[in-house]
Every structure is written in C-alpha cells, then in structure tokens.
Amino acid sequence: MPSPAPSPEPPAGSSESAARGPSEAELLDFVRRIAADEALVASLPLDPEGRTWMRLNGPGGSEAWLIGWPPGTGTGWHDHGGSRGAFTTAGGELTEHSLAARLPTEGWKTLELADGVDRSRRLGKGRGRAFGPHHVHEVLNLAPNEHAVSAHAYYPPLPLMRRYSRTGAVLRLEEVERPGEWE
C-alpha cells in the first residue's frame, strides 16, 4: 500500500497556522521591520552601564523585545528553552558567538565541545539572523564607546532560558531562569 502524501502547510492565517506560530522567517521579517522603525528605536532609553529593554507585541503570539546594549555588555552563553527566534541589529554592531551543534537539553551539567563547532558573526545595523529551538549563543556589544540596539522575537514565548559558562571547550550549565527572572 503506498504511503500517504505529506500534508500541505496550513494556509497563513488559518487556526492550524496560528497554532504552530510564526516561522523563523516570519520572526526575522518582524524584527527587521522593528529595527527599521527609527522612531521606535530612538524611544528606547539607553543606560551607560546596563542593558535596557522594551517589551513589544510580536506576531502570532510571539514574545518580542527591543534591547539597548551599552559598550562592553553581553548576554553570556544561553539558549531559549526550546523556542525559535530571530534578532536584528537596529543600531551599532553586535557580535554573536554560537555553537553549530545540537546539545541535549536535559541530563548534563558539563559537556566537552567538539572541535569546529564555534561560529562567530558580526551584525551591523540592519543585519540579523533567525535560529531554531536548539540554538546556544552569546551576544556582545564589543564597541568601546558606542551603544548598540537590537530587536528580538521568540516563539513560543520563552518558557525558560538556560545559562552556561564556558572555559575553552567545556560548557557548563549554571542555571535555569524562568519568565519574570529576566524582565
């Protein structure tokens, strides 16, 4: 008996499409539009010593943020608790270090990373990227004297964030944060 044909993608705007939420490409399109909104970006208060943020309404029930990055600040290594996402730089330049490896989400405290998994990219104004649910990265503003601003969106809304420390090839799970602990 022949196998059934794959189901077509639900039409955009259908209830089934809404249940699956926005795709990585749709999240990237949204954060690009936010980053291009000069009035919105300019409305974010910037602090010389700490990151600032503004919560936004993301598409299709996603969680979205506009974030200000003083010089020399960063996120540290983290993941997004199984959410897919996207971010775009709206001003200044950010550097992203990421791992090109799918890490297990449970059952470990320390992992030794294989050679060749490190990726690094510089994202100037208007540049961004989308990522899947297993993405582990850190984002940094390495500029010595210029703020950066970025737009971010995640679906489903972040259920948790795992924070890691890294020494050479060793990645260590340090803590698990829940919503409200990073807002």
C-alpha atoms as a PDB file:
ATOM      1  CA  MET A   1       0.000   0.000   0.000  1.00  0.00           C
ATOM      2  CA  PRO A   2       1.508   3.415  -0.933  1.00  0.00           C
ATOM      3  CA  SER A   3       2.347   5.772   1.897  1.00  0.00           C
ATOM      4  CA  PRO A   4       0.093   8.824   2.274  1.00  0.00           C
ATOM      5  CA  ALA A   5       1.229  12.081   0.728  1.00  0.00           C
ATOM      6  CA  PRO A   6       2.602  14.638   3.186  1.00  0.00           C
ATOM      7  CA  SER A   7       0.081  17.154   4.459  1.00  0.00           C
ATOM      8  CA  PRO A   8       0.366  20.584   2.869  1.00  0.00           C
ATOM      9  CA  GLU A   9       1.426  23.513   5.063  1.00  0.00           C
ATOM     10  CA  PRO A  10      -1.644  25.138   6.655  1.00  0.00           C
ATOM     11  CA  PRO A  11      -2.653  28.380   4.944  1.00  0.00           C
ATOM     12  CA  ALA A  12      -1.364  31.541   6.614  1.00  0.00           C
ATOM     13  CA  GLY A  13      -3.971  32.940   8.983  1.00  0.00           C
ATOM     14  CA  SER A  14      -5.754  29.590   9.474  1.00  0.00           C
ATOM     15  CA  SER A  15      -6.323  28.304  13.014  1.00  0.00           C
ATOM     16  CA  GLU A  16      -3.848  25.482  12.368  1.00  0.00           C
ATOM     17  CA  SER A  17      -1.265  28.014  11.137  1.00  0.00           C
ATOM     18  CA  ALA A  18      -1.847  30.133  14.253  1.00  0.00           C
ATOM     19  CA  ALA A  19      -1.357  27.070  16.497  1.00  0.00           C
ATOM     20  CA  ARG A  20       2.105  26.454  15.047  1.00  0.00           C
ATOM     21  CA  GLY A  21       3.021  30.125  15.443  1.00  0.00           C
ATOM     22  CA  PRO A  22       5.225  32.292  13.266  1.00  0.00           C
ATOM     23  CA  SER A  23       8.093  30.639  11.420  1.00  0.00           C
ATOM     24  CA  GLU A  24      11.735  31.629  11.857  1.00  0.00           C
ATOM     25  CA  ALA A  25      11.468  33.602   8.584  1.00  0.00           C
ATOM     26  CA  GLU A  26       8.357  35.445   9.837  1.00  0.00           C
ATOM     27  CA  LEU A  27      10.109  36.294  13.108  1.00  0.00           C
ATOM     28  CA  LEU A  28      13.119  37.594  11.175  1.00  0.00           C
ATOM     29  CA  ASP A  29      10.879  39.716   8.945  1.00  0.00           C
ATOM     30  CA  PHE A  30       9.201  41.173  12.043  1.00  0.00           C
ATOM     31  CA  VAL A  31      12.467  42.096  13.818  1.00  0.00           C
ATOM     32  CA  ARG A  32      13.790  43.661  10.608  1.00  0.00           C
ATOM     33  CA  ARG A  33      10.703  45.895  10.443  1.00  0.00           C
ATOM     34  CA  ILE A  34      11.121  46.842  14.114  1.00  0.00           C
ATOM     35  CA  ALA A  35      14.827  47.607  13.619  1.00  0.00           C
ATOM     36  CA  ALA A  36      13.973  49.865  10.669  1.00  0.00           C
ATOM     37  CA  ASP A  37      11.450  51.888  12.734  1.00  0.00           C
ATOM     38  CA  GLU A  38      13.737  54.787  13.662  1.00  0.00           C
ATOM     39  CA  ALA A  39      11.179  56.475  15.932  1.00  0.00           C
ATOM     40  CA  LEU A  40      10.625  53.290  17.950  1.00  0.00           C
ATOM     41  CA  VAL A  41      14.357  52.593  18.212  1.00  0.00           C
ATOM     42  CA  ALA A  42      15.010  56.197  19.336  1.00  0.00           C
ATOM     43  CA  SER A  43      12.317  55.854  22.047  1.00  0.00           C
ATOM     44  CA  LEU A  44      14.315  53.178  23.905  1.00  0.00           C
ATOM     45  CA  PRO A  45      16.061  54.776  26.885  1.00  0.00           C
ATOM     46  CA  LEU A  46      19.766  53.933  26.935  1.00  0.00           C
ATOM     47  CA  ASP A  47      21.717  53.461  30.165  1.00  0.00           C
ATOM     48  CA  PRO A  48      25.503  53.897  30.107  1.00  0.00           C
ATOM     49  CA  GLU A  49      26.050  50.955  32.468  1.00  0.00           C
ATOM     50  CA  GLY A  50      23.382  48.309  31.902  1.00  0.00           C
ATOM     51  CA  ARG A  51      21.190  46.874  29.207  1.00  0.00           C
ATOM     52  CA  THR A  52      17.726  48.377  28.796  1.00  0.00           C
ATOM     53  CA  TRP A  53      14.709  46.831  27.122  1.00  0.00           C
ATOM     54  CA  MET A  54      11.180  47.408  25.979  1.00  0.00           C
ATOM     55  CA  ARG A  55       8.676  44.585  25.552  1.00  0.00           C
ATOM     56  CA  LEU A  56       6.831  44.585  22.214  1.00  0.00           C
ATOM     57  CA  ASN A  57       3.851  42.754  20.769  1.00  0.00           C
ATOM     58  CA  GLY A  58       5.271  40.119  18.449  1.00  0.00           C
ATOM     59  CA  PRO A  59       3.449  38.436  15.576  1.00  0.00           C
ATOM     60  CA  GLY A  60       1.222  35.414  16.186  1.00  0.00           C
ATOM     61  CA  GLY A  61       1.614  35.362  19.961  1.00  0.00           C
ATOM     62  CA  SER A  62       5.399  35.610  19.914  1.00  0.00           C
ATOM     63  CA  GLU A  63       7.433  37.399  22.570  1.00  0.00           C
ATOM     64  CA  ALA A  64       9.399  40.409  21.291  1.00  0.00           C
ATOM     65  CA  TRP A  65      11.886  42.886  22.733  1.00  0.00           C
ATOM     66  CA  LEU A  66      13.846  45.982  21.781  1.00  0.00           C
ATOM     67  CA  ILE A  67      17.171  45.896  23.697  1.00  0.00           C
ATOM     68  CA  GLY A  68      19.814  48.576  24.285  1.00  0.00           C
ATOM     69  CA  TRP A  69      23.414  47.427  24.792  1.00  0.00           C
ATOM     70  CA  PRO A  70      25.985  49.760  26.378  1.00  0.00           C
ATOM     71  CA  PRO A  71      29.583  49.330  25.231  1.00  0.00           C
ATOM     72  CA  GLY A  72      31.174  46.151  26.574  1.00  0.00           C
ATOM     73  CA  THR A  73      27.944  44.367  27.586  1.00  0.00           C
ATOM     74  CA  GLY A  74      26.693  40.937  26.597  1.00  0.00           C
ATOM     75  CA  THR A  75      24.332  38.133  27.436  1.00  0.00           C
ATOM     76  CA  GLY A  76      26.698  35.336  28.372  1.00  0.00           C
ATOM     77  CA  TRP A  77      26.128  31.892  26.854  1.00  0.00           C
ATOM     78  CA  HIS A  78      22.462  30.853  26.881  1.00  0.00           C
ATOM     79  CA  ASP A  79      19.680  29.105  24.997  1.00  0.00           C
ATOM     80  CA  HIS A  80      15.988  29.938  24.625  1.00  0.00           C
ATOM     81  CA  GLY A  81      14.335  26.953  26.280  1.00  0.00           C
ATOM     82  CA  GLY A  82      13.211  25.346  23.012  1.00  0.00           C
ATOM     83  CA  SER A  83      11.798  28.491  21.385  1.00  0.00           C
ATOM     84  CA  ARG A  84      12.775  29.504  17.867  1.00  0.00           C
ATOM     85  CA  GLY A  85      13.716  33.115  17.317  1.00  0.00           C
ATOM     86  CA  ALA A  86      15.335  35.928  15.398  1.00  0.00           C
ATOM     87  CA  PHE A  87      17.156  39.165  16.083  1.00  0.00           C
ATOM     88  CA  THR A  88      18.360  42.133  14.051  1.00  0.00           C
ATOM     89  CA  THR A  89      20.720  44.953  14.967  1.00  0.00           C
ATOM     90  CA  ALA A  90      18.947  48.327  14.818  1.00  0.00           C
ATOM     91  CA  GLY A  91      21.966  50.472  15.674  1.00  0.00           C
ATOM     92  CA  GLY A  92      25.653  49.963  16.340  1.00  0.00           C
ATOM     93  CA  GLU A  93      27.121  46.483  15.900  1.00  0.00           C
ATOM     94  CA  LEU A  94      26.694  43.239  17.806  1.00  0.00           C
ATOM     95  CA  THR A  95      28.840  40.115  17.758  1.00  0.00           C
ATOM     96  CA  GLU A  96      27.261  36.694  18.098  1.00  0.00           C
ATOM     97  CA  HIS A  97      29.225  33.615  19.112  1.00  0.00           C
ATOM     98  CA  SER A  98      27.229  30.421  18.620  1.00  0.00           C
ATOM     99  CA  LEU A  99      27.627  26.665  18.568  1.00  0.00           C
ATOM    100  CA  ALA A 100      26.982  24.680  15.402  1.00  0.00           C
ATOM    101  CA  ALA A 101      25.941  21.634  17.407  1.00  0.00           C
ATOM    102  CA  ARG A 102      22.668  20.373  18.813  1.00  0.00           C
ATOM    103  CA  LEU A 103      23.112  19.971  22.557  1.00  0.00           C
ATOM    104  CA  PRO A 104      20.976  17.718  24.733  1.00  0.00           C
ATOM    105  CA  THR A 105      18.564  19.809  26.794  1.00  0.00           C
ATOM    106  CA  GLU A 106      18.487  17.588  29.885  1.00  0.00           C
ATOM    107  CA  GLY A 107      20.665  15.228  31.872  1.00  0.00           C
ATOM    108  CA  TRP A 108      24.022  17.006  31.912  1.00  0.00           C
ATOM    109  CA  LYS A 109      25.912  19.684  33.813  1.00  0.00           C
ATOM    110  CA  THR A 110      29.164  19.743  31.833  1.00  0.00           C
ATOM    111  CA  LEU A 111      29.898  18.997  28.163  1.00  0.00           C
ATOM    112  CA  GLU A 112      33.142  18.993  26.254  1.00  0.00           C
ATOM    113  CA  LEU A 113      32.541  20.594  22.872  1.00  0.00           C
ATOM    114  CA  ALA A 114      33.989  19.065  19.718  1.00  0.00           C
ATOM    115  CA  ASP A 115      36.464  20.978  17.563  1.00  0.00           C
ATOM    116  CA  GLY A 116      34.911  23.096  14.830  1.00  0.00           C
ATOM    117  CA  VAL A 117      31.548  23.879  16.492  1.00  0.00           C
ATOM    118  CA  ASP A 118      32.288  27.544  17.162  1.00  0.00           C
ATOM    119  CA  ARG A 119      30.761  30.184  14.900  1.00  0.00           C
ATOM    120  CA  SER A 120      31.138  33.950  15.123  1.00  0.00           C
ATOM    121  CA  ARG A 121      29.437  36.727  13.181  1.00  0.00           C
ATOM    122  CA  ARG A 122      29.340  40.485  13.351  1.00  0.00           C
ATOM    123  CA  LEU A 123      25.935  42.035  12.813  1.00  0.00           C
ATOM    124  CA  GLY A 124      25.899  45.721  11.899  1.00  0.00           C
ATOM    125  CA  LYS A 125      22.798  47.877  11.568  1.00  0.00           C
ATOM    126  CA  GLY A 126      20.089  46.094   9.594  1.00  0.00           C
ATOM    127  CA  ARG A 127      21.746  42.671   9.789  1.00  0.00           C
ATOM    128  CA  GLY A 128      20.182  39.835  11.683  1.00  0.00           C
ATOM    129  CA  ARG A 129      19.548  36.148  11.817  1.00  0.00           C
ATOM    130  CA  ALA A 130      16.941  33.561  12.652  1.00  0.00           C
ATOM    131  CA  PHE A 131      17.563  30.382  14.636  1.00  0.00           C
ATOM    132  CA  GLY A 132      15.866  27.171  15.635  1.00  0.00           C
ATOM    133  CA  PRO A 133      14.855  25.793  19.015  1.00  0.00           C
ATOM    134  CA  HIS A 134      18.262  24.304  19.898  1.00  0.00           C
ATOM    135  CA  HIS A 135      20.360  27.442  19.394  1.00  0.00           C
ATOM    136  CA  VAL A 136      23.057  28.195  22.003  1.00  0.00           C
ATOM    137  CA  HIS A 137      24.842  31.553  21.752  1.00  0.00           C
ATOM    138  CA  GLU A 138      26.111  34.704  23.381  1.00  0.00           C
ATOM    139  CA  VAL A 139      25.565  38.214  22.029  1.00  0.00           C
ATOM    140  CA  LEU A 140      28.026  41.029  22.753  1.00  0.00           C
ATOM    141  CA  ASN A 141      28.500  44.724  22.097  1.00  0.00           C
ATOM    142  CA  LEU A 142      32.279  44.850  21.721  1.00  0.00           C
ATOM    143  CA  ALA A 143      32.373  48.539  20.765  1.00  0.00           C
ATOM    144  CA  PRO A 144      34.477  50.601  23.181  1.00  0.00           C
ATOM    145  CA  ASN A 145      32.201  53.657  23.172  1.00  0.00           C
ATOM    146  CA  GLU A 146      29.007  53.094  21.138  1.00  0.00           C
ATOM    147  CA  HIS A 147      25.649  51.715  22.215  1.00  0.00           C
ATOM    148  CA  ALA A 148      24.006  49.029  20.108  1.00  0.00           C
ATOM    149  CA  VAL A 149      20.253  48.410  19.845  1.00  0.00           C
ATOM    150  CA  SER A 150      18.588  45.221  18.627  1.00  0.00           C
ATOM    151  CA  ALA A 151      15.111  43.763  18.081  1.00  0.00           C
ATOM    152  CA  HIS A 152      14.335  40.157  19.151  1.00  0.00           C
ATOM    153  CA  ALA A 153      11.337  37.810  18.779  1.00  0.00           C
ATOM    154  CA  TYR A 154      10.732  34.268  20.088  1.00  0.00           C
ATOM    155  CA  TYR A 155       8.016  31.662  19.572  1.00  0.00           C
ATOM    156  CA  PRO A 156       6.682  30.180  21.645  1.00  0.00           C
ATOM    157  CA  PRO A 157       7.209  32.899  24.259  1.00  0.00           C
ATOM    158  CA  LEU A 158      10.291  31.953  26.260  1.00  0.00           C
ATOM    159  CA  PRO A 159       9.393  29.168  28.718  1.00  0.00           C
ATOM    160  CA  LEU A 160      12.876  29.357  30.233  1.00  0.00           C
ATOM    161  CA  MET A 161      16.477  30.254  29.471  1.00  0.00           C
ATOM    162  CA  ARG A 162      19.416  28.043  30.330  1.00  0.00           C
ATOM    163  CA  ARG A 163      22.583  29.976  31.221  1.00  0.00           C
ATOM    164  CA  TYR A 164      26.003  28.467  30.648  1.00  0.00           C
ATOM    165  CA  SER A 165      29.609  29.260  31.464  1.00  0.00           C
ATOM    166  CA  ARG A 166      32.382  28.341  29.110  1.00  0.00           C
ATOM    167  CA  THR A 167      36.066  27.628  29.660  1.00  0.00           C
ATOM    168  CA  GLY A 168      37.816  26.579  26.449  1.00  0.00           C
ATOM    169  CA  ALA A 169      35.924  23.579  25.073  1.00  0.00           C
ATOM    170  CA  VAL A 170      33.994  22.963  28.304  1.00  0.00           C
ATOM    171  CA  LEU A 171      30.414  24.234  28.516  1.00  0.00           C
ATOM    172  CA  ARG A 172      28.767  24.095  31.939  1.00  0.00           C
ATOM    173  CA  LEU A 173      25.078  24.552  32.750  1.00  0.00           C
ATOM    174  CA  GLU A 174      24.966  27.181  35.506  1.00  0.00           C
ATOM    175  CA  GLU A 175      21.286  27.997  35.990  1.00  0.00           C
ATOM    176  CA  VAL A 176      17.804  27.822  34.531  1.00  0.00           C
ATOM    177  CA  GLU A 177      15.831  31.086  34.544  1.00  0.00           C
ATOM    178  CA  ARG A 178      12.049  31.296  34.279  1.00  0.00           C
ATOM    179  CA  PRO A 179       9.944  34.186  32.912  1.00  0.00           C
ATOM    180  CA  GLY A 180       9.984  37.134  35.267  1.00  0.00           C
ATOM    181  CA  GLU A 181      13.569  36.474  36.330  1.00  0.00           C
ATOM    182  CA  TRP A 182      14.994  38.263  33.280  1.00  0.00           C
ATOM    183  CA  GLU A 183      12.400  41.003  32.834  1.00  0.00           C
END
